[in-house]
Structures are given as C-alpha cells and as structure tokens.
PDB file of all heavy atoms in Angstrom:
ATOM      1  N   VAL A   1       6.667  33.476  25.097  1.00  0.00           N
ATOM      2  CA  VAL A   1       5.697  34.589  25.103  1.00  0.00           C
ATOM      3  C   VAL A   1       4.987  34.580  23.759  1.00  0.00           C
ATOM      4  O   VAL A   1       5.555  34.298  22.650  1.00  0.00           O
ATOM      5  CB  VAL A   1       6.480  35.959  25.325  1.00  0.00           C
ATOM      6  CG1 VAL A   1       5.573  37.108  25.157  1.00  0.00           C
ATOM      7  CG2 VAL A   1       7.124  35.937  26.717  1.00  0.00           C
ATOM      8  N   LEU A   2       3.652  34.925  23.856  1.00  0.00           N
ATOM      9  CA  LEU A   2       2.843  34.993  22.675  1.00  0.00           C
ATOM     10  C   LEU A   2       2.874  36.447  22.122  1.00  0.00           C
ATOM     11  O   LEU A   2       2.417  37.318  22.863  1.00  0.00           O
ATOM     12  CB  LEU A   2       1.382  34.568  23.003  1.00  0.00           C
ATOM     13  CG  LEU A   2       1.208  33.160  23.520  1.00  0.00           C
ATOM     14  CD1 LEU A   2      -0.227  32.974  23.948  1.00  0.00           C
ATOM     15  CD2 LEU A   2       1.608  32.120  22.502  1.00  0.00           C
ATOM     16  N   ASP A   3       3.468  36.668  21.034  1.00  0.00           N
ATOM     17  CA  ASP A   3       3.630  38.041  20.450  1.00  0.00           C
ATOM     18  C   ASP A   3       2.407  38.266  19.448  1.00  0.00           C
ATOM     19  O   ASP A   3       2.458  37.714  18.398  1.00  0.00           O
ATOM     20  CB  ASP A   3       4.951  38.175  19.711  1.00  0.00           C
ATOM     21  CG  ASP A   3       5.294  39.592  19.349  1.00  0.00           C
ATOM     22  OD1 ASP A   3       4.336  40.423  19.368  1.00  0.00           O
ATOM     23  OD2 ASP A   3       6.378  39.877  18.966  1.00  0.00           O
ATOM     24  N   MET A   4       1.516  39.181  19.917  1.00  0.00           N
ATOM     25  CA  MET A   4       0.344  39.425  19.098  1.00  0.00           C
ATOM     26  C   MET A   4       0.536  40.557  18.095  1.00  0.00           C
ATOM     27  O   MET A   4      -0.429  40.993  17.416  1.00  0.00           O
ATOM     28  CB  MET A   4      -0.901  39.702  20.016  1.00  0.00           C
ATOM     29  CG  MET A   4      -1.069  38.630  21.086  1.00  0.00           C
ATOM     30  SD  MET A   4      -0.963  36.956  20.546  1.00  0.00           S
ATOM     31  CE  MET A   4      -2.290  36.879  19.391  1.00  0.00           C
ATOM     32  N   GLY A   5       1.751  41.090  17.996  1.00  0.00           N
ATOM     33  CA  GLY A   5       2.059  42.137  17.040  1.00  0.00           C
ATOM     34  C   GLY A   5       1.157  43.355  17.259  1.00  0.00           C
ATOM     35  O   GLY A   5       1.211  43.970  18.312  1.00  0.00           O
ATOM     36  N   ASN A   6       0.402  43.781  16.221  1.00  0.00           N
ATOM     37  CA  ASN A   6      -0.359  44.984  16.278  1.00  0.00           C
ATOM     38  C   ASN A   6      -1.896  44.665  16.539  1.00  0.00           C
ATOM     39  O   ASN A   6      -2.703  45.557  16.543  1.00  0.00           O
ATOM     40  CB  ASN A   6      -0.221  45.687  14.962  1.00  0.00           C
ATOM     41  CG  ASN A   6      -0.871  47.104  14.947  1.00  0.00           C
ATOM     42  OD1 ASN A   6      -1.890  47.319  14.290  1.00  0.00           O
ATOM     43  ND2 ASN A   6      -0.346  47.999  15.728  1.00  0.00           N
ATOM     44  N   SER A   7      -2.214  43.410  16.803  1.00  0.00           N
ATOM     45  CA  SER A   7      -3.605  43.015  16.765  1.00  0.00           C
ATOM     46  C   SER A   7      -4.288  43.039  18.134  1.00  0.00           C
ATOM     47  O   SER A   7      -4.188  42.096  18.967  1.00  0.00           O
ATOM     48  CB  SER A   7      -3.794  41.617  16.188  1.00  0.00           C
ATOM     49  OG  SER A   7      -5.169  41.284  16.154  1.00  0.00           O
ATOM     50  N   GLY A   8      -5.110  44.060  18.359  1.00  0.00           N
ATOM     51  CA  GLY A   8      -5.916  44.165  19.590  1.00  0.00           C
ATOM     52  C   GLY A   8      -7.033  43.103  19.587  1.00  0.00           C
ATOM     53  O   GLY A   8      -7.367  42.525  20.602  1.00  0.00           O
ATOM     54  N   THR A   9      -7.540  42.790  18.396  1.00  0.00           N
ATOM     55  CA  THR A   9      -8.631  41.730  18.368  1.00  0.00           C
ATOM     56  C   THR A   9      -8.051  40.382  18.839  1.00  0.00           C
ATOM     57  O   THR A   9      -8.659  39.714  19.648  1.00  0.00           O
ATOM     58  CB  THR A   9      -9.106  41.569  16.923  1.00  0.00           C
ATOM     59  OG1 THR A   9      -9.725  42.789  16.503  1.00  0.00           O
ATOM     60  CG2 THR A   9     -10.149  40.518  16.774  1.00  0.00           C
ATOM     61  N   ALA A  10      -6.922  40.020  18.338  1.00  0.00           N
ATOM     62  CA  ALA A  10      -6.290  38.714  18.647  1.00  0.00           C
ATOM     63  C   ALA A  10      -6.007  38.724  20.148  1.00  0.00           C
ATOM     64  O   ALA A  10      -6.285  37.699  20.797  1.00  0.00           O
ATOM     65  CB  ALA A  10      -5.083  38.460  17.845  1.00  0.00           C
ATOM     66  N   ALA A  11      -5.435  39.803  20.725  1.00  0.00           N
ATOM     67  CA  ALA A  11      -5.003  39.762  22.115  1.00  0.00           C
ATOM     68  C   ALA A  11      -6.207  39.684  23.016  1.00  0.00           C
ATOM     69  O   ALA A  11      -6.251  38.926  23.993  1.00  0.00           O
ATOM     70  CB  ALA A  11      -4.209  41.079  22.418  1.00  0.00           C
ATOM     71  N   ARG A  12      -7.330  40.449  22.716  1.00  0.00           N
ATOM     72  CA  ARG A  12      -8.478  40.502  23.555  1.00  0.00           C
ATOM     73  C   ARG A  12      -9.282  39.167  23.499  1.00  0.00           C
ATOM     74  O   ARG A  12      -9.752  38.641  24.526  1.00  0.00           O
ATOM     75  CB  ARG A  12      -9.311  41.687  23.245  1.00  0.00           C
ATOM     76  CG  ARG A  12      -8.626  42.992  23.669  1.00  0.00           C
ATOM     77  CD  ARG A  12      -9.337  44.251  23.240  1.00  0.00           C
ATOM     78  NE  ARG A  12      -8.623  45.444  23.684  1.00  0.00           N
ATOM     79  CZ  ARG A  12      -8.474  46.514  22.948  1.00  0.00           C
ATOM     80  NH1 ARG A  12      -8.915  46.597  21.734  1.00  0.00           N
ATOM     81  NH2 ARG A  12      -7.822  47.579  23.478  1.00  0.00           N
ATOM     82  N   LEU A  13      -9.471  38.604  22.315  1.00  0.00           N
ATOM     83  CA  LEU A  13     -10.225  37.411  22.196  1.00  0.00           C
ATOM     84  C   LEU A  13      -9.380  36.285  22.830  1.00  0.00           C
ATOM     85  O   LEU A  13      -9.996  35.381  23.551  1.00  0.00           O
ATOM     86  CB  LEU A  13     -10.521  37.060  20.706  1.00  0.00           C
ATOM     87  CG  LEU A  13     -11.878  37.547  20.171  1.00  0.00           C
ATOM     88  CD1 LEU A  13     -11.940  39.050  20.267  1.00  0.00           C
ATOM     89  CD2 LEU A  13     -12.045  37.069  18.798  1.00  0.00           C
ATOM     90  N   LEU A  14      -8.136  36.193  22.600  1.00  0.00           N
ATOM     91  CA  LEU A  14      -7.341  35.139  23.129  1.00  0.00           C
ATOM     92  C   LEU A  14      -7.285  35.165  24.668  1.00  0.00           C
ATOM     93  O   LEU A  14      -7.146  34.173  25.340  1.00  0.00           O
ATOM     94  CB  LEU A  14      -5.891  35.207  22.589  1.00  0.00           C
ATOM     95  CG  LEU A  14      -4.943  34.052  22.808  1.00  0.00           C
ATOM     96  CD1 LEU A  14      -5.660  32.745  22.279  1.00  0.00           C
ATOM     97  CD2 LEU A  14      -3.623  34.214  22.171  1.00  0.00           C
ATOM     98  N   SER A  15      -7.400  36.412  25.254  1.00  0.00           N
ATOM     99  CA  SER A  15      -7.460  36.462  26.697  1.00  0.00           C
ATOM    100  C   SER A  15      -8.627  35.658  27.251  1.00  0.00           C
ATOM    101  O   SER A  15      -8.533  35.043  28.296  1.00  0.00           O
ATOM    102  CB  SER A  15      -7.665  37.992  27.132  1.00  0.00           C
ATOM    103  OG  SER A  15      -6.520  38.730  26.796  1.00  0.00           O
ATOM    104  N   GLY A  16      -9.723  35.670  26.572  1.00  0.00           N
ATOM    105  CA  GLY A  16     -10.920  34.886  27.040  1.00  0.00           C
ATOM    106  C   GLY A  16     -10.582  33.399  26.993  1.00  0.00           C
ATOM    107  O   GLY A  16     -10.950  32.725  27.901  1.00  0.00           O
ATOM    108  N   ILE A  17      -9.938  32.911  25.968  1.00  0.00           N
ATOM    109  CA  ILE A  17      -9.619  31.543  25.874  1.00  0.00           C
ATOM    110  C   ILE A  17      -8.583  31.160  26.934  1.00  0.00           C
ATOM    111  O   ILE A  17      -8.690  30.191  27.664  1.00  0.00           O
ATOM    112  CB  ILE A  17      -9.000  31.203  24.480  1.00  0.00           C
ATOM    113  CG1 ILE A  17     -10.091  31.436  23.387  1.00  0.00           C
ATOM    114  CG2 ILE A  17      -8.406  29.780  24.422  1.00  0.00           C
ATOM    115  CD1 ILE A  17      -9.560  31.318  21.977  1.00  0.00           C
ATOM    116  N   LEU A  18      -7.519  31.973  27.130  1.00  0.00           N
ATOM    117  CA  LEU A  18      -6.495  31.642  28.053  1.00  0.00           C
ATOM    118  C   LEU A  18      -6.993  31.752  29.502  1.00  0.00           C
ATOM    119  O   LEU A  18      -6.457  30.963  30.391  1.00  0.00           O
ATOM    120  CB  LEU A  18      -5.257  32.573  27.872  1.00  0.00           C
ATOM    121  CG  LEU A  18      -4.598  32.516  26.468  1.00  0.00           C
ATOM    122  CD1 LEU A  18      -3.516  33.589  26.341  1.00  0.00           C
ATOM    123  CD2 LEU A  18      -4.001  31.083  26.289  1.00  0.00           C
ATOM    124  N   ALA A  19      -7.901  32.605  29.830  1.00  0.00           N
ATOM    125  CA  ALA A  19      -8.509  32.747  31.139  1.00  0.00           C
ATOM    126  C   ALA A  19      -9.055  31.425  31.695  1.00  0.00           C
ATOM    127  O   ALA A  19      -9.139  31.143  32.900  1.00  0.00           O
ATOM    128  CB  ALA A  19      -9.426  33.885  31.228  1.00  0.00           C
ATOM    129  N   SER A  20      -9.547  30.632  30.703  1.00  0.00           N
ATOM    130  CA  SER A  20     -10.317  29.413  31.087  1.00  0.00           C
ATOM    131  C   SER A  20      -9.579  28.185  30.783  1.00  0.00           C
ATOM    132  O   SER A  20     -10.139  27.071  30.626  1.00  0.00           O
ATOM    133  CB  SER A  20     -11.668  29.467  30.379  1.00  0.00           C
ATOM    134  OG  SER A  20     -11.532  29.503  28.997  1.00  0.00           O
ATOM    135  N   HIS A  21      -8.281  28.209  30.802  1.00  0.00           N
ATOM    136  CA  HIS A  21      -7.404  27.012  30.668  1.00  0.00           C
ATOM    137  C   HIS A  21      -6.423  27.066  31.782  1.00  0.00           C
ATOM    138  O   HIS A  21      -5.840  28.107  32.154  1.00  0.00           O
ATOM    139  CB  HIS A  21      -6.699  27.024  29.318  1.00  0.00           C
ATOM    140  CG  HIS A  21      -7.606  26.536  28.145  1.00  0.00           C
ATOM    141  ND1 HIS A  21      -8.530  27.425  27.634  1.00  0.00           N
ATOM    142  CD2 HIS A  21      -7.712  25.358  27.565  1.00  0.00           C
ATOM    143  CE1 HIS A  21      -9.183  26.809  26.613  1.00  0.00           C
ATOM    144  NE2 HIS A  21      -8.701  25.488  26.636  1.00  0.00           N
ATOM    145  N   GLY A  22      -6.105  25.896  32.345  1.00  0.00           N
ATOM    146  CA  GLY A  22      -5.306  25.817  33.577  1.00  0.00           C
ATOM    147  C   GLY A  22      -3.811  25.823  33.386  1.00  0.00           C
ATOM    148  O   GLY A  22      -3.065  24.898  33.863  1.00  0.00           O
ATOM    149  N   PHE A  23      -3.326  26.896  32.754  1.00  0.00           N
ATOM    150  CA  PHE A  23      -1.909  27.048  32.675  1.00  0.00           C
ATOM    151  C   PHE A  23      -1.605  28.572  32.617  1.00  0.00           C
ATOM    152  O   PHE A  23      -2.531  29.412  32.500  1.00  0.00           O
ATOM    153  CB  PHE A  23      -1.293  26.309  31.469  1.00  0.00           C
ATOM    154  CG  PHE A  23      -2.007  26.627  30.094  1.00  0.00           C
ATOM    155  CD1 PHE A  23      -1.833  27.895  29.499  1.00  0.00           C
ATOM    156  CD2 PHE A  23      -2.791  25.645  29.516  1.00  0.00           C
ATOM    157  CE1 PHE A  23      -2.441  28.113  28.276  1.00  0.00           C
ATOM    158  CE2 PHE A  23      -3.404  25.921  28.255  1.00  0.00           C
ATOM    159  CZ  PHE A  23      -3.254  27.163  27.700  1.00  0.00           C
ATOM    160  N   THR A  24      -0.365  28.918  32.617  1.00  0.00           N
ATOM    161  CA  THR A  24       0.115  30.320  32.651  1.00  0.00           C
ATOM    162  C   THR A  24       0.650  30.662  31.275  1.00  0.00           C
ATOM    163  O   THR A  24       1.382  29.865  30.628  1.00  0.00           O
ATOM    164  CB  THR A  24       1.194  30.515  33.730  1.00  0.00           C
ATOM    165  OG1 THR A  24       0.603  30.276  34.998  1.00  0.00           O
ATOM    166  CG2 THR A  24       1.675  31.941  33.670  1.00  0.00           C
ATOM    167  N   SER A  25       0.324  31.828  30.802  1.00  0.00           N
ATOM    168  CA  SER A  25       0.846  32.316  29.505  1.00  0.00           C
ATOM    169  C   SER A  25       1.051  33.773  29.603  1.00  0.00           C
ATOM    170  O   SER A  25       0.553  34.519  30.509  1.00  0.00           O
ATOM    171  CB  SER A  25      -0.195  32.024  28.391  1.00  0.00           C
ATOM    172  OG  SER A  25      -1.517  32.496  28.741  1.00  0.00           O
ATOM    173  N   VAL A  26       1.868  34.306  28.694  1.00  0.00           N
ATOM    174  CA  VAL A  26       2.214  35.741  28.674  1.00  0.00           C
ATOM    175  C   VAL A  26       2.036  36.246  27.247  1.00  0.00           C
ATOM    176  O   VAL A  26       2.510  35.643  26.246  1.00  0.00           O
ATOM    177  CB  VAL A  26       3.661  36.013  29.140  1.00  0.00           C
ATOM    178  CG1 VAL A  26       3.989  37.431  28.997  1.00  0.00           C
ATOM    179  CG2 VAL A  26       3.889  35.433  30.491  1.00  0.00           C
ATOM    180  N   MET A  27       1.341  37.369  27.082  1.00  0.00           N
ATOM    181  CA  MET A  27       1.145  38.018  25.832  1.00  0.00           C
ATOM    182  C   MET A  27       1.831  39.307  25.768  1.00  0.00           C
ATOM    183  O   MET A  27       1.867  40.138  26.731  1.00  0.00           O
ATOM    184  CB  MET A  27      -0.357  38.207  25.534  1.00  0.00           C
ATOM    185  CG  MET A  27      -1.114  37.020  25.039  1.00  0.00           C
ATOM    186  SD  MET A  27      -2.716  37.518  24.346  1.00  0.00           S
ATOM    187  CE  MET A  27      -3.508  38.223  25.797  1.00  0.00           C
ATOM    188  N   THR A  28       2.419  39.645  24.579  1.00  0.00           N
ATOM    189  CA  THR A  28       2.918  40.978  24.345  1.00  0.00           C
ATOM    190  C   THR A  28       2.541  41.419  22.917  1.00  0.00           C
ATOM    191  O   THR A  28       1.727  40.712  22.290  1.00  0.00           O
ATOM    192  CB  THR A  28       4.471  41.007  24.589  1.00  0.00           C
ATOM    193  OG1 THR A  28       4.902  42.384  24.563  1.00  0.00           O
ATOM    194  CG2 THR A  28       5.199  40.253  23.488  1.00  0.00           C
ATOM    195  N   GLY A  29       3.042  42.568  22.507  1.00  0.00           N
ATOM    196  CA  GLY A  29       2.753  43.024  21.162  1.00  0.00           C
ATOM    197  C   GLY A  29       3.650  44.117  20.803  1.00  0.00           C
ATOM    198  O   GLY A  29       4.711  44.422  21.494  1.00  0.00           O
ATOM    199  N   ASP A  30       3.417  44.813  19.633  1.00  0.00           N
ATOM    200  CA  ASP A  30       4.301  45.838  19.257  1.00  0.00           C
ATOM    201  C   ASP A  30       4.028  47.133  20.046  1.00  0.00           C
ATOM    202  O   ASP A  30       3.201  47.121  21.007  1.00  0.00           O
ATOM    203  CB  ASP A  30       4.198  46.111  17.734  1.00  0.00           C
ATOM    204  CG  ASP A  30       2.820  46.690  17.324  1.00  0.00           C
ATOM    205  OD1 ASP A  30       1.999  47.082  18.246  1.00  0.00           O
ATOM    206  OD2 ASP A  30       2.495  46.735  16.119  1.00  0.00           O
ATOM    207  N   ALA A  31       4.717  48.207  19.759  1.00  0.00           N
ATOM    208  CA  ALA A  31       4.608  49.412  20.608  1.00  0.00           C
ATOM    209  C   ALA A  31       3.232  49.905  20.654  1.00  0.00           C
ATOM    210  O   ALA A  31       2.740  50.436  21.678  1.00  0.00           O
ATOM    211  CB  ALA A  31       5.609  50.485  20.060  1.00  0.00           C
ATOM    212  N   SER A  32       2.537  49.827  19.538  1.00  0.00           N
ATOM    213  CA  SER A  32       1.162  50.312  19.478  1.00  0.00           C
ATOM    214  C   SER A  32       0.230  49.458  20.406  1.00  0.00           C
ATOM    215  O   SER A  32      -0.554  50.011  21.259  1.00  0.00           O
ATOM    216  CB  SER A  32       0.573  50.317  18.046  1.00  0.00           C
ATOM    217  OG  SER A  32      -0.837  50.561  18.030  1.00  0.00           O
ATOM    218  N   LEU A  33       0.307  48.188  20.253  1.00  0.00           N
ATOM    219  CA  LEU A  33      -0.521  47.278  21.070  1.00  0.00           C
ATOM    220  C   LEU A  33      -0.209  47.379  22.583  1.00  0.00           C
ATOM    221  O   LEU A  33      -1.078  47.360  23.416  1.00  0.00           O
ATOM    222  CB  LEU A  33      -0.461  45.829  20.578  1.00  0.00           C
ATOM    223  CG  LEU A  33      -1.328  44.804  21.272  1.00  0.00           C
ATOM    224  CD1 LEU A  33      -2.808  45.210  21.115  1.00  0.00           C
ATOM    225  CD2 LEU A  33      -1.126  43.447  20.691  1.00  0.00           C
ATOM    226  N   ARG A  34       1.124  47.553  22.895  1.00  0.00           N
ATOM    227  CA  ARG A  34       1.444  47.708  24.275  1.00  0.00           C
ATOM    228  C   ARG A  34       1.010  48.940  24.907  1.00  0.00           C
ATOM    229  O   ARG A  34       0.877  49.020  26.150  1.00  0.00           O
ATOM    230  CB  ARG A  34       2.982  47.577  24.428  1.00  0.00           C
ATOM    231  CG  ARG A  34       3.523  46.229  24.141  1.00  0.00           C
ATOM    232  CD  ARG A  34       5.019  46.022  24.640  1.00  0.00           C
ATOM    233  NE  ARG A  34       5.933  47.139  24.184  1.00  0.00           N
ATOM    234  CZ  ARG A  34       6.526  47.208  23.011  1.00  0.00           C
ATOM    235  NH1 ARG A  34       6.484  46.153  22.164  1.00  0.00           N
ATOM    236  NH2 ARG A  34       7.359  48.202  22.742  1.00  0.00           N
ATOM    237  N   GLY A  35       0.566  49.923  24.133  1.00  0.00           N
ATOM    238  CA  GLY A  35      -0.007  51.156  24.627  1.00  0.00           C
ATOM    239  C   GLY A  35      -1.533  51.163  24.770  1.00  0.00           C
ATOM    240  O   GLY A  35      -2.069  52.113  25.244  1.00  0.00           O
ATOM    241  N   ARG A  36      -2.176  50.037  24.321  1.00  0.00           N
ATOM    242  CA  ARG A  36      -3.676  50.014  24.357  1.00  0.00           C
ATOM    243  C   ARG A  36      -4.196  49.320  25.628  1.00  0.00           C
ATOM    244  O   ARG A  36      -3.532  48.390  26.119  1.00  0.00           O
ATOM    245  CB  ARG A  36      -4.181  49.267  23.130  1.00  0.00           C
ATOM    246  CG  ARG A  36      -4.162  50.120  21.895  1.00  0.00           C
ATOM    247  CD  ARG A  36      -4.609  49.343  20.680  1.00  0.00           C
ATOM    248  NE  ARG A  36      -3.511  48.961  19.791  1.00  0.00           N
ATOM    249  CZ  ARG A  36      -3.577  48.054  18.885  1.00  0.00           C
ATOM    250  NH1 ARG A  36      -4.712  47.434  18.598  1.00  0.00           N
ATOM    251  NH2 ARG A  36      -2.543  47.796  18.084  1.00  0.00           N
ATOM    252  N   PRO A  37      -5.325  49.742  26.115  1.00  0.00           N
ATOM    253  CA  PRO A  37      -5.803  49.227  27.457  1.00  0.00           C
ATOM    254  C   PRO A  37      -6.397  47.778  27.236  1.00  0.00           C
ATOM    255  O   PRO A  37      -7.011  47.495  26.245  1.00  0.00           O
ATOM    256  CB  PRO A  37      -6.925  50.226  27.795  1.00  0.00           C
ATOM    257  CG  PRO A  37      -7.389  50.783  26.523  1.00  0.00           C
ATOM    258  CD  PRO A  37      -6.210  50.817  25.624  1.00  0.00           C
TER     259      PRO A  37
END
C-alpha cells in the first residue's frame, strides 16, 4: 500500500499517474487525509 501520510497534493496528483498505468495500486494516508474527499 502507498501511504501518503497527510499529503492531499501527493494523493490527488498520484491518482492521475496511477489511473493511466496498467496495474492495480492502493493508497491510504493518516487520519486527516482519510477524511478528505
């Protein structure tokens, strides 16, 4: 699992990269990031 900690920027930008690569990945984060849309 890719743990993005508190960083919404990292999680959202990386989503764009991961969406266009042919494999499966999972992202999580700290309690604050897990509460953000």
